[in-house]
Amino acid sequence: MSIQINLDVMMAKRKMRLKTLSEAVGITEANLSVLKNGKAKAIRFSTLERLCRVLDCQPGDLLAFEPSEDEESPQQ
């Protein structure tokens, strides 16, 4: 399983460049790039909140859960 980050999709929808988002959110371009490219291992809720505020979106617009194919579904 993995969490996919759709920051690049939301940035494209809002026609926002990395530098502009970086300045608005208060995070370095390098850290936003790590997040955008799916290399981040974690994200603070405060960062997620600022991203949602600036991009005018919900956390679910930025994050998606994608189970891996070899995982079994949970027993009910």
PDB file of N, CA and C in Angstrom:
ATOM      1  N   MET A   1       0.843  -1.179   0.000  1.00  0.00           N
ATOM      2  CA  MET A   1       0.000   0.000   0.000  1.00  0.00           C
ATOM      3  C   MET A   1       0.881   1.233   0.000  1.00  0.00           C
ATOM      4  N   SER A   2       0.307   2.291  -0.498  1.00  0.00           N
ATOM      5  CA  SER A   2       1.070   3.528  -0.489  1.00  0.00           C
ATOM      6  C   SER A   2       0.118   4.717  -0.576  1.00  0.00           C
ATOM      7  N   ILE A   3       0.610   5.813  -0.100  1.00  0.00           N
ATOM      8  CA  ILE A   3      -0.117   7.068  -0.186  1.00  0.00           C
ATOM      9  C   ILE A   3       0.475   7.852  -1.351  1.00  0.00           C
ATOM     10  N   GLN A   4      -0.367   8.227  -2.274  1.00  0.00           N
ATOM     11  CA  GLN A   4       0.064   9.013  -3.430  1.00  0.00           C
ATOM     12  C   GLN A   4      -0.176  10.490  -3.139  1.00  0.00           C
ATOM     13  N   ILE A   5       0.751  11.319  -3.540  1.00  0.00           N
ATOM     14  CA  ILE A   5       0.628  12.763  -3.336  1.00  0.00           C
ATOM     15  C   ILE A   5       0.326  13.403  -4.685  1.00  0.00           C
ATOM     16  N   ASN A   6      -0.773  14.121  -4.749  1.00  0.00           N
ATOM     17  CA  ASN A   6      -1.223  14.735  -5.998  1.00  0.00           C
ATOM     18  C   ASN A   6      -1.011  16.246  -6.004  1.00  0.00           C
ATOM     19  N   LEU A   7       0.067  16.671  -5.395  1.00  0.00           N
ATOM     20  CA  LEU A   7       0.357  18.101  -5.320  1.00  0.00           C
ATOM     21  C   LEU A   7       0.535  18.698  -6.711  1.00  0.00           C
ATOM     22  N   ASP A   8       1.202  17.977  -7.595  1.00  0.00           N
ATOM     23  CA  ASP A   8       1.425  18.484  -8.946  1.00  0.00           C
ATOM     24  C   ASP A   8       0.113  18.685  -9.698  1.00  0.00           C
ATOM     25  N   VAL A   9      -0.859  17.802  -9.457  1.00  0.00           N
ATOM     26  CA  VAL A   9      -2.173  17.916 -10.100  1.00  0.00           C
ATOM     27  C   VAL A   9      -2.879  19.183  -9.631  1.00  0.00           C
ATOM     28  N   MET A  10      -2.884  19.400  -8.297  1.00  0.00           N
ATOM     29  CA  MET A  10      -3.560  20.588  -7.761  1.00  0.00           C
ATOM     30  C   MET A  10      -2.848  21.873  -8.198  1.00  0.00           C
ATOM     31  N   MET A  11      -1.534  21.834  -8.259  1.00  0.00           N
ATOM     32  CA  MET A  11      -0.790  23.012  -8.717  1.00  0.00           C
ATOM     33  C   MET A  11      -1.155  23.332 -10.168  1.00  0.00           C
ATOM     34  N   ALA A  12      -1.278  22.307 -10.991  1.00  0.00           N
ATOM     35  CA  ALA A  12      -1.639  22.517 -12.393  1.00  0.00           C
ATOM     36  C   ALA A  12      -3.060  23.068 -12.503  1.00  0.00           C
ATOM     37  N   LYS A  13      -3.979  22.531 -11.706  1.00  0.00           N
ATOM     38  CA  LYS A  13      -5.363  23.023 -11.734  1.00  0.00           C
ATOM     39  C   LYS A  13      -5.443  24.488 -11.324  1.00  0.00           C
ATOM     40  N   ARG A  14      -4.591  24.882 -10.398  1.00  0.00           N
ATOM     41  CA  ARG A  14      -4.594  26.268  -9.913  1.00  0.00           C
ATOM     42  C   ARG A  14      -3.613  27.156 -10.686  1.00  0.00           C
ATOM     43  N   LYS A  15      -2.930  26.549 -11.662  1.00  0.00           N
ATOM     44  CA  LYS A  15      -1.937  27.260 -12.477  1.00  0.00           C
ATOM     45  C   LYS A  15      -0.918  27.966 -11.586  1.00  0.00           C
ATOM     46  N   MET A  16      -0.396  27.198 -10.635  1.00  0.00           N
ATOM     47  CA  MET A  16       0.542  27.752  -9.663  1.00  0.00           C
ATOM     48  C   MET A  16       1.906  27.090  -9.827  1.00  0.00           C
ATOM     49  N   ARG A  17       2.929  27.899  -9.816  1.00  0.00           N
ATOM     50  CA  ARG A  17       4.295  27.397  -9.928  1.00  0.00           C
ATOM     51  C   ARG A  17       4.825  27.041  -8.547  1.00  0.00           C
ATOM     52  N   LEU A  18       5.848  26.212  -8.517  1.00  0.00           N
ATOM     53  CA  LEU A  18       6.444  25.761  -7.264  1.00  0.00           C
ATOM     54  C   LEU A  18       6.956  26.939  -6.439  1.00  0.00           C
ATOM     55  N   LYS A  19       7.586  27.894  -7.097  1.00  0.00           N
ATOM     56  CA  LYS A  19       8.133  29.054  -6.378  1.00  0.00           C
ATOM     57  C   LYS A  19       7.018  29.866  -5.717  1.00  0.00           C
ATOM     58  N   THR A  20       5.935  30.076  -6.435  1.00  0.00           N
ATOM     59  CA  THR A  20       4.800  30.836  -5.905  1.00  0.00           C
ATOM     60  C   THR A  20       4.181  30.111  -4.717  1.00  0.00           C
ATOM     61  N   LEU A  21       3.979  28.802  -4.842  1.00  0.00           N
ATOM     62  CA  LEU A  21       3.405  28.006  -3.755  1.00  0.00           C
ATOM     63  C   LEU A  21       4.334  28.010  -2.554  1.00  0.00           C
ATOM     64  N   SER A  22       5.618  27.881  -2.801  1.00  0.00           N
ATOM     65  CA  SER A  22       6.615  27.885  -1.739  1.00  0.00           C
ATOM     66  C   SER A  22       6.536  29.166  -0.918  1.00  0.00           C
ATOM     67  N   GLU A  23       6.459  30.290  -1.599  1.00  0.00           N
ATOM     68  CA  GLU A  23       6.385  31.578  -0.911  1.00  0.00           C
ATOM     69  C   GLU A  23       5.078  31.726  -0.144  1.00  0.00           C
ATOM     70  N   ALA A  24       3.976  31.268  -0.721  1.00  0.00           N
ATOM     71  CA  ALA A  24       2.664  31.403  -0.083  1.00  0.00           C
ATOM     72  C   ALA A  24       2.507  30.499   1.134  1.00  0.00           C
ATOM     73  N   VAL A  25       3.123  29.326   1.076  1.00  0.00           N
ATOM     74  CA  VAL A  25       2.975  28.342   2.152  1.00  0.00           C
ATOM     75  C   VAL A  25       4.071  28.510   3.210  1.00  0.00           C
ATOM     76  N   GLY A  26       5.199  29.059   2.820  1.00  0.00           N
ATOM     77  CA  GLY A  26       6.302  29.232   3.762  1.00  0.00           C
ATOM     78  C   GLY A  26       7.157  27.989   3.910  1.00  0.00           C
ATOM     79  N   ILE A  27       7.326  27.261   2.819  1.00  0.00           N
ATOM     80  CA  ILE A  27       8.141  26.046   2.792  1.00  0.00           C
ATOM     81  C   ILE A  27       9.136  26.205   1.643  1.00  0.00           C
ATOM     82  N   THR A  28      10.333  25.694   1.824  1.00  0.00           N
ATOM     83  CA  THR A  28      11.336  25.833   0.771  1.00  0.00           C
ATOM     84  C   THR A  28      10.898  25.107  -0.504  1.00  0.00           C
ATOM     85  N   GLU A  29      11.365  25.592  -1.615  1.00  0.00           N
ATOM     86  CA  GLU A  29      11.074  24.930  -2.891  1.00  0.00           C
ATOM     87  C   GLU A  29      11.595  23.499  -2.881  1.00  0.00           C
ATOM     88  N   ALA A  30      12.746  23.293  -2.260  1.00  0.00           N
ATOM     89  CA  ALA A  30      13.332  21.945  -2.206  1.00  0.00           C
ATOM     90  C   ALA A  30      12.411  20.982  -1.458  1.00  0.00           C
ATOM     91  N   ASN A  31      11.867  21.410  -0.319  1.00  0.00           N
ATOM     92  CA  ASN A  31      10.974  20.538   0.448  1.00  0.00           C
ATOM     93  C   ASN A  31       9.663  20.297  -0.291  1.00  0.00           C
ATOM     94  N   LEU A  32       9.139  21.314  -0.943  1.00  0.00           N
ATOM     95  CA  LEU A  32       7.917  21.125  -1.733  1.00  0.00           C
ATOM     96  C   LEU A  32       8.172  20.190  -2.909  1.00  0.00           C
ATOM     97  N   SER A  33       9.344  20.279  -3.494  1.00  0.00           N
ATOM     98  CA  SER A  33       9.696  19.405  -4.603  1.00  0.00           C
ATOM     99  C   SER A  33       9.747  17.948  -4.155  1.00  0.00           C
ATOM    100  N   VAL A  34      10.294  17.700  -2.979  1.00  0.00           N
ATOM    101  CA  VAL A  34      10.336  16.339  -2.421  1.00  0.00           C
ATOM    102  C   VAL A  34       8.915  15.817  -2.246  1.00  0.00           C
ATOM    103  N   LEU A  35       8.052  16.653  -1.729  1.00  0.00           N
ATOM    104  CA  LEU A  35       6.656  16.275  -1.529  1.00  0.00           C
ATOM    105  C   LEU A  35       5.960  16.048  -2.871  1.00  0.00           C
ATOM    106  N   LYS A  36       6.157  16.948  -3.791  1.00  0.00           N
ATOM    107  CA  LYS A  36       5.524  16.874  -5.116  1.00  0.00           C
ATOM    108  C   LYS A  36       5.937  15.620  -5.879  1.00  0.00           C
ATOM    109  N   ASN A  37       7.183  15.225  -5.720  1.00  0.00           N
ATOM    110  CA  ASN A  37       7.698  14.063  -6.448  1.00  0.00           C
ATOM    111  C   ASN A  37       7.457  12.739  -5.728  1.00  0.00           C
ATOM    112  N   GLY A  38       6.728  12.791  -4.619  1.00  0.00           N
ATOM    113  CA  GLY A  38       6.378  11.556  -3.912  1.00  0.00           C
ATOM    114  C   GLY A  38       7.510  10.943  -3.123  1.00  0.00           C
ATOM    115  N   LYS A  39       8.534  11.706  -2.830  1.00  0.00           N
ATOM    116  CA  LYS A  39       9.691  11.184  -2.097  1.00  0.00           C
ATOM    117  C   LYS A  39       9.585  11.414  -0.587  1.00  0.00           C
ATOM    118  N   ALA A  40       8.594  12.193  -0.162  1.00  0.00           N
ATOM    119  CA  ALA A  40       8.449  12.507   1.267  1.00  0.00           C
ATOM    120  C   ALA A  40       7.954  11.282   2.031  1.00  0.00           C
ATOM    121  N   LYS A  41       8.449  11.113   3.236  1.00  0.00           N
ATOM    122  CA  LYS A  41       8.028  10.010   4.100  1.00  0.00           C
ATOM    123  C   LYS A  41       6.924  10.438   5.052  1.00  0.00           C
ATOM    124  N   ALA A  42       6.756  11.744   5.235  1.00  0.00           N
ATOM    125  CA  ALA A  42       5.752  12.259   6.169  1.00  0.00           C
ATOM    126  C   ALA A  42       5.423  13.698   5.794  1.00  0.00           C
ATOM    127  N   ILE A  43       4.291  14.163   6.321  1.00  0.00           N
ATOM    128  CA  ILE A  43       3.903  15.565   6.157  1.00  0.00           C
ATOM    129  C   ILE A  43       3.220  16.002   7.446  1.00  0.00           C
ATOM    130  N   ARG A  44       3.560  17.171   7.902  1.00  0.00           N
ATOM    131  CA  ARG A  44       2.927  17.706   9.113  1.00  0.00           C
ATOM    132  C   ARG A  44       1.520  18.174   8.771  1.00  0.00           C
ATOM    133  N   PHE A  45       0.624  18.032   9.729  1.00  0.00           N
ATOM    134  CA  PHE A  45      -0.731  18.519   9.524  1.00  0.00           C
ATOM    135  C   PHE A  45      -0.739  20.022   9.275  1.00  0.00           C
ATOM    136  N   SER A  46       0.147  20.749   9.928  1.00  0.00           N
ATOM    137  CA  SER A  46       0.196  22.199   9.730  1.00  0.00           C
ATOM    138  C   SER A  46       0.597  22.528   8.287  1.00  0.00           C
ATOM    139  N   THR A  47       1.489  21.737   7.713  1.00  0.00           N
ATOM    140  CA  THR A  47       1.886  21.926   6.320  1.00  0.00           C
ATOM    141  C   THR A  47       0.729  21.592   5.392  1.00  0.00           C
ATOM    142  N   LEU A  48       0.063  20.482   5.670  1.00  0.00           N
ATOM    143  CA  LEU A  48      -1.084  20.070   4.874  1.00  0.00           C
ATOM    144  C   LEU A  48      -2.179  21.139   4.928  1.00  0.00           C
ATOM    145  N   GLU A  49      -2.394  21.689   6.108  1.00  0.00           N
ATOM    146  CA  GLU A  49      -3.402  22.744   6.271  1.00  0.00           C
ATOM    147  C   GLU A  49      -3.053  23.976   5.432  1.00  0.00           C
ATOM    148  N   ARG A  50      -1.785  24.392   5.462  1.00  0.00           N
ATOM    149  CA  ARG A  50      -1.374  25.568   4.684  1.00  0.00           C
ATOM    150  C   ARG A  50      -1.496  25.310   3.183  1.00  0.00           C
ATOM    151  N   LEU A  51      -1.128  24.100   2.753  1.00  0.00           N
ATOM    152  CA  LEU A  51      -1.264  23.751   1.340  1.00  0.00           C
ATOM    153  C   LEU A  51      -2.727  23.810   0.910  1.00  0.00           C
ATOM    154  N   CYS A  52      -3.613  23.248   1.742  1.00  0.00           N
ATOM    155  CA  CYS A  52      -5.042  23.255   1.418  1.00  0.00           C
ATOM    156  C   CYS A  52      -5.591  24.676   1.376  1.00  0.00           C
ATOM    157  N   ARG A  53      -5.136  25.499   2.297  1.00  0.00           N
ATOM    158  CA  ARG A  53      -5.614  26.885   2.343  1.00  0.00           C
ATOM    159  C   ARG A  53      -5.183  27.641   1.077  1.00  0.00           C
ATOM    160  N   VAL A  54      -3.921  27.529   0.714  1.00  0.00           N
ATOM    161  CA  VAL A  54      -3.396  28.259  -0.447  1.00  0.00           C
ATOM    162  C   VAL A  54      -3.962  27.714  -1.754  1.00  0.00           C
ATOM    163  N   LEU A  55      -4.096  26.381  -1.851  1.00  0.00           N
ATOM    164  CA  LEU A  55      -4.594  25.768  -3.082  1.00  0.00           C
ATOM    165  C   LEU A  55      -6.119  25.671  -3.122  1.00  0.00           C
ATOM    166  N   ASP A  56      -6.766  26.106  -2.040  1.00  0.00           N
ATOM    167  CA  ASP A  56      -8.224  26.062  -1.940  1.00  0.00           C
ATOM    168  C   ASP A  56      -8.751  24.663  -2.264  1.00  0.00           C
ATOM    169  N   CYS A  57      -8.276  23.686  -1.471  1.00  0.00           N
ATOM    170  CA  CYS A  57      -8.662  22.306  -1.694  1.00  0.00           C
ATOM    171  C   CYS A  57      -8.801  21.570  -0.365  1.00  0.00           C
ATOM    172  N   GLN A  58      -9.177  20.323  -0.424  1.00  0.00           N
ATOM    173  CA  GLN A  58      -9.304  19.460   0.744  1.00  0.00           C
ATOM    174  C   GLN A  58      -8.102  18.513   0.786  1.00  0.00           C
ATOM    175  N   PRO A  59      -7.765  17.966   1.974  1.00  0.00           N
ATOM    176  CA  PRO A  59      -6.652  17.014   2.056  1.00  0.00           C
ATOM    177  C   PRO A  59      -6.790  15.845   1.079  1.00  0.00           C
ATOM    178  N   GLY A  60      -8.017  15.398   0.856  1.00  0.00           N
ATOM    179  CA  GLY A  60      -8.249  14.300  -0.077  1.00  0.00           C
ATOM    180  C   GLY A  60      -7.940  14.650  -1.519  1.00  0.00           C
ATOM    181  N   ASP A  61      -7.874  15.940  -1.823  1.00  0.00           N
ATOM    182  CA  ASP A  61      -7.471  16.362  -3.163  1.00  0.00           C
ATOM    183  C   ASP A  61      -5.964  16.203  -3.353  1.00  0.00           C
ATOM    184  N   LEU A  62      -5.233  16.227  -2.256  1.00  0.00           N
ATOM    185  CA  LEU A  62      -3.769  16.137  -2.313  1.00  0.00           C
ATOM    186  C   LEU A  62      -3.248  14.731  -2.056  1.00  0.00           C
ATOM    187  N   LEU A  63      -4.002  13.928  -1.284  1.00  0.00           N
ATOM    188  CA  LEU A  63      -3.553  12.602  -0.883  1.00  0.00           C
ATOM    189  C   LEU A  63      -4.517  11.527  -1.364  1.00  0.00           C
ATOM    190  N   ALA A  64      -3.986  10.405  -1.801  1.00  0.00           N
ATOM    191  CA  ALA A  64      -4.810   9.272  -2.228  1.00  0.00           C
ATOM    192  C   ALA A  64      -4.146   7.979  -1.765  1.00  0.00           C
ATOM    193  N   PHE A  65      -4.954   7.040  -1.294  1.00  0.00           N
ATOM    194  CA  PHE A  65      -4.462   5.734  -0.871  1.00  0.00           C
ATOM    195  C   PHE A  65      -4.599   4.766  -2.031  1.00  0.00           C
ATOM    196  N   GLU A  66      -3.507   4.074  -2.343  1.00  0.00           N
ATOM    197  CA  GLU A  66      -3.533   3.086  -3.407  1.00  0.00           C
ATOM    198  C   GLU A  66      -2.932   1.781  -2.893  1.00  0.00           C
ATOM    199  N   PRO A  67      -3.789   0.771  -2.659  1.00  0.00           N
ATOM    200  CA  PRO A  67      -3.266  -0.505  -2.168  1.00  0.00           C
ATOM    201  C   PRO A  67      -2.415  -1.181  -3.244  1.00  0.00           C
ATOM    202  N   SER A  68      -1.414  -1.898  -2.799  1.00  0.00           N
ATOM    203  CA  SER A  68      -0.593  -2.625  -3.771  1.00  0.00           C
ATOM    204  C   SER A  68      -1.353  -3.870  -4.213  1.00  0.00           C
ATOM    205  N   GLU A  69      -1.034  -4.345  -5.398  1.00  0.00           N
ATOM    206  CA  GLU A  69      -1.768  -5.471  -5.982  1.00  0.00           C
ATOM    207  C   GLU A  69      -1.607  -6.762  -5.193  1.00  0.00           C
ATOM    208  N   ASP A  70      -0.476  -6.944  -4.508  1.00  0.00           N
ATOM    209  CA  ASP A  70      -0.231  -8.192  -3.794  1.00  0.00           C
ATOM    210  C   ASP A  70      -0.846  -8.212  -2.395  1.00  0.00           C
ATOM    211  N   GLU A  71      -1.467  -7.132  -1.980  1.00  0.00           N
ATOM    212  CA  GLU A  71      -2.106  -7.082  -0.668  1.00  0.00           C
ATOM    213  C   GLU A  71      -3.476  -7.729  -0.709  1.00  0.00           C
ATOM    214  N   GLU A  72      -3.773  -8.458   0.344  1.00  0.00           N
ATOM    215  CA  GLU A  72      -5.099  -9.030   0.455  1.00  0.00           C
ATOM    216  C   GLU A  72      -6.008  -8.020   1.125  1.00  0.00           C
ATOM    217  N   SER A  73      -7.284  -8.073   0.813  1.00  0.00           N
ATOM    218  CA  SER A  73      -8.212  -7.180   1.497  1.00  0.00           C
ATOM    219  C   SER A  73      -8.440  -7.708   2.913  1.00  0.00           C
ATOM    220  N   PRO A  74      -8.740  -6.806   3.867  1.00  0.00           N
ATOM    221  CA  PRO A  74      -8.906  -7.212   5.257  1.00  0.00           C
ATOM    222  C   PRO A  74     -10.080  -8.148   5.434  1.00  0.00           C
ATOM    223  N   GLN A  75      -9.928  -9.079   6.369  1.00  0.00           N
ATOM    224  CA  GLN A  75     -11.000 -10.019   6.702  1.00  0.00           C
ATOM    225  C   GLN A  75     -12.101  -9.308   7.425  1.00  0.00           C
ATOM    226  N   GLN A  76     -13.343  -9.664   7.126  1.00  0.00           N
ATOM    227  CA  GLN A  76     -14.464  -9.037   7.827  1.00  0.00           C
ATOM    228  C   GLN A  76     -15.171 -10.012   8.690  1.00  0.00           C
TER     229      GLN A  76
END
